[in-house]
């Protein structure tokens, strides 16, 4: 797994945790954390697919 994909997954997990904490405390700032989690998960998927495409030989 590419290093950038791992970093994006870590950011996604941290953003989800921050969103949960924000919503539990009654803050609407959790919406921003949810959006950040969405962006970082899309980045992780992109980097994982790009890494697989580079390692698989084309016929």
N, C-alpha and C. Protein backbone atom coordinates (compact mmCIF):
# COMPACT_ATOMS: atom_id res chain seq x y z
N UNK A 1 0.85 -1.18 0.00
CA UNK A 1 0.00 0.00 0.00
C UNK A 1 0.90 1.24 0.00
N UNK A 2 0.61 2.17 -0.88
CA UNK A 2 1.42 3.39 -0.95
C UNK A 2 1.36 4.20 0.35
N UNK A 3 2.45 4.90 0.61
CA UNK A 3 2.56 5.67 1.85
C UNK A 3 1.49 6.76 1.94
N UNK A 4 1.20 7.42 0.83
CA UNK A 4 0.18 8.47 0.86
C UNK A 4 -1.21 7.91 1.17
N UNK A 5 -1.48 6.69 0.74
CA UNK A 5 -2.76 6.07 1.06
C UNK A 5 -2.87 5.80 2.56
N UNK A 6 -1.79 5.37 3.16
CA UNK A 6 -1.78 5.12 4.60
C UNK A 6 -2.01 6.43 5.36
N UNK A 7 -1.33 7.48 4.94
CA UNK A 7 -1.52 8.79 5.58
C UNK A 7 -2.97 9.26 5.45
N UNK A 8 -3.55 9.08 4.27
CA UNK A 8 -4.93 9.50 4.05
C UNK A 8 -5.89 8.69 4.92
N UNK A 9 -5.62 7.40 5.09
CA UNK A 9 -6.47 6.58 5.96
C UNK A 9 -6.36 7.01 7.42
N UNK A 10 -5.16 7.37 7.85
CA UNK A 10 -4.97 7.85 9.22
C UNK A 10 -5.74 9.15 9.43
N UNK A 11 -5.66 10.06 8.46
CA UNK A 11 -6.40 11.32 8.55
C UNK A 11 -7.90 11.05 8.59
N UNK A 12 -8.35 10.09 7.81
CA UNK A 12 -9.77 9.75 7.78
C UNK A 12 -10.24 9.24 9.14
N UNK A 13 -9.48 8.35 9.74
CA UNK A 13 -9.85 7.81 11.06
C UNK A 13 -9.86 8.92 12.12
N UNK A 14 -8.85 9.77 12.08
CA UNK A 14 -8.79 10.87 13.05
C UNK A 14 -9.94 11.86 12.85
N UNK A 15 -10.30 12.12 11.60
CA UNK A 15 -11.39 13.05 11.33
C UNK A 15 -12.73 12.47 11.80
N UNK A 16 -12.92 11.17 11.63
CA UNK A 16 -14.15 10.55 12.11
C UNK A 16 -14.21 10.62 13.63
N UNK A 17 -13.09 10.35 14.29
CA UNK A 17 -13.06 10.44 15.75
C UNK A 17 -13.35 11.86 16.22
N UNK A 18 -12.78 12.85 15.53
CA UNK A 18 -13.02 14.24 15.89
C UNK A 18 -14.49 14.62 15.66
N UNK A 19 -15.08 14.08 14.59
CA UNK A 19 -16.49 14.37 14.32
C UNK A 19 -17.38 13.79 15.42
N UNK A 20 -17.07 12.58 15.85
CA UNK A 20 -17.87 11.96 16.91
C UNK A 20 -17.76 12.78 18.19
N UNK A 21 -16.55 13.18 18.54
CA UNK A 21 -16.36 13.99 19.75
C UNK A 21 -17.09 15.31 19.63
N UNK A 22 -17.01 15.94 18.47
CA UNK A 22 -17.69 17.23 18.28
C UNK A 22 -19.20 17.09 18.42
N UNK A 23 -19.77 16.06 17.81
CA UNK A 23 -21.22 15.88 17.90
C UNK A 23 -21.66 15.51 19.31
N UNK A 24 -20.84 14.73 20.01
CA UNK A 24 -21.19 14.37 21.39
C UNK A 24 -21.20 15.60 22.27
N UNK A 25 -20.27 16.53 22.02
CA UNK A 25 -20.22 17.76 22.81
C UNK A 25 -21.27 18.77 22.37
N UNK A 26 -22.00 18.47 21.32
CA UNK A 26 -23.06 19.36 20.86
C UNK A 26 -22.59 20.44 19.92
N UNK A 27 -21.42 20.29 19.35
CA UNK A 27 -20.89 21.29 18.43
C UNK A 27 -21.21 20.91 16.99
N UNK A 28 -21.59 21.92 16.22
CA UNK A 28 -21.86 21.69 14.80
C UNK A 28 -20.58 21.68 13.98
N UNK A 29 -19.44 21.86 14.60
CA UNK A 29 -18.16 21.80 13.91
C UNK A 29 -17.89 20.39 13.38
N UNK A 30 -18.62 19.41 13.90
CA UNK A 30 -18.47 18.03 13.44
C UNK A 30 -18.75 17.87 11.96
N UNK A 31 -19.57 18.75 11.40
CA UNK A 31 -19.86 18.67 9.97
C UNK A 31 -18.59 18.87 9.15
N UNK A 32 -17.74 19.78 9.60
CA UNK A 32 -16.47 20.01 8.90
C UNK A 32 -15.60 18.76 8.98
N UNK A 33 -15.59 18.11 10.13
CA UNK A 33 -14.80 16.89 10.29
C UNK A 33 -15.33 15.76 9.41
N UNK A 34 -16.64 15.68 9.26
CA UNK A 34 -17.23 14.66 8.38
C UNK A 34 -16.82 14.91 6.94
N UNK A 35 -16.84 16.17 6.53
CA UNK A 35 -16.42 16.50 5.16
C UNK A 35 -14.94 16.18 4.95
N UNK A 36 -14.11 16.47 5.94
CA UNK A 36 -12.69 16.13 5.84
C UNK A 36 -12.50 14.62 5.76
N UNK A 37 -13.29 13.86 6.50
CA UNK A 37 -13.20 12.40 6.44
C UNK A 37 -13.57 11.91 5.04
N UNK A 38 -14.57 12.52 4.44
CA UNK A 38 -14.96 12.13 3.08
C UNK A 38 -13.88 12.40 2.06
N UNK A 39 -13.28 13.56 2.16
CA UNK A 39 -12.21 13.91 1.21
C UNK A 39 -11.01 12.99 1.40
N UNK A 40 -10.63 12.75 2.64
CA UNK A 40 -9.45 11.92 2.88
C UNK A 40 -9.70 10.46 2.51
N UNK A 41 -10.93 9.97 2.67
CA UNK A 41 -11.20 8.60 2.24
C UNK A 41 -11.14 8.48 0.72
N UNK A 42 -11.63 9.50 0.03
CA UNK A 42 -11.52 9.49 -1.44
C UNK A 42 -10.06 9.54 -1.88
N UNK A 43 -9.24 10.30 -1.17
CA UNK A 43 -7.81 10.36 -1.48
C UNK A 43 -7.17 9.00 -1.26
N UNK A 44 -7.54 8.33 -0.17
CA UNK A 44 -6.97 7.01 0.12
C UNK A 44 -7.34 6.01 -0.98
N UNK A 45 -8.60 6.02 -1.39
CA UNK A 45 -9.04 5.12 -2.46
C UNK A 45 -8.28 5.41 -3.74
N UNK A 46 -8.09 6.68 -4.06
CA UNK A 46 -7.37 7.06 -5.27
C UNK A 46 -5.93 6.55 -5.24
N UNK A 47 -5.24 6.77 -4.11
CA UNK A 47 -3.85 6.36 -4.03
C UNK A 47 -3.70 4.84 -4.01
N UNK A 48 -4.66 4.13 -3.42
CA UNK A 48 -4.60 2.66 -3.44
C UNK A 48 -4.77 2.15 -4.86
N UNK A 49 -5.74 2.70 -5.58
CA UNK A 49 -5.96 2.27 -6.97
C UNK A 49 -4.78 2.64 -7.86
N UNK A 50 -4.21 3.82 -7.64
CA UNK A 50 -3.05 4.23 -8.43
C UNK A 50 -1.86 3.33 -8.16
N UNK A 51 -1.68 2.94 -6.89
CA UNK A 51 -0.59 2.04 -6.54
C UNK A 51 -0.77 0.67 -7.16
N UNK A 52 -2.01 0.16 -7.18
CA UNK A 52 -2.27 -1.14 -7.81
C UNK A 52 -2.06 -1.08 -9.31
N UNK A 53 -2.44 0.03 -9.92
CA UNK A 53 -2.29 0.16 -11.36
C UNK A 53 -0.82 0.22 -11.76
N UNK A 54 0.01 0.78 -10.91
CA UNK A 54 1.43 0.86 -11.23
C UNK A 54 2.14 -0.48 -11.05
N UNK A 55 1.64 -1.31 -10.14
CA UNK A 55 2.31 -2.58 -9.89
C UNK A 55 1.84 -3.68 -10.83
N UNK A 56 0.62 -3.60 -11.34
CA UNK A 56 0.15 -4.63 -12.26
C UNK A 56 0.65 -4.36 -13.66
N UNK A 57 1.27 -5.35 -14.25
CA UNK A 57 1.75 -5.15 -15.63
C UNK A 57 0.59 -5.13 -16.62
N UNK A 58 0.70 -4.30 -17.60
CA UNK A 58 -0.34 -4.22 -18.64
C UNK A 58 -0.01 -5.22 -19.74
N UNK A 59 -1.04 -5.81 -20.31
CA UNK A 59 -0.83 -6.83 -21.34
C UNK A 59 -0.81 -6.20 -22.72
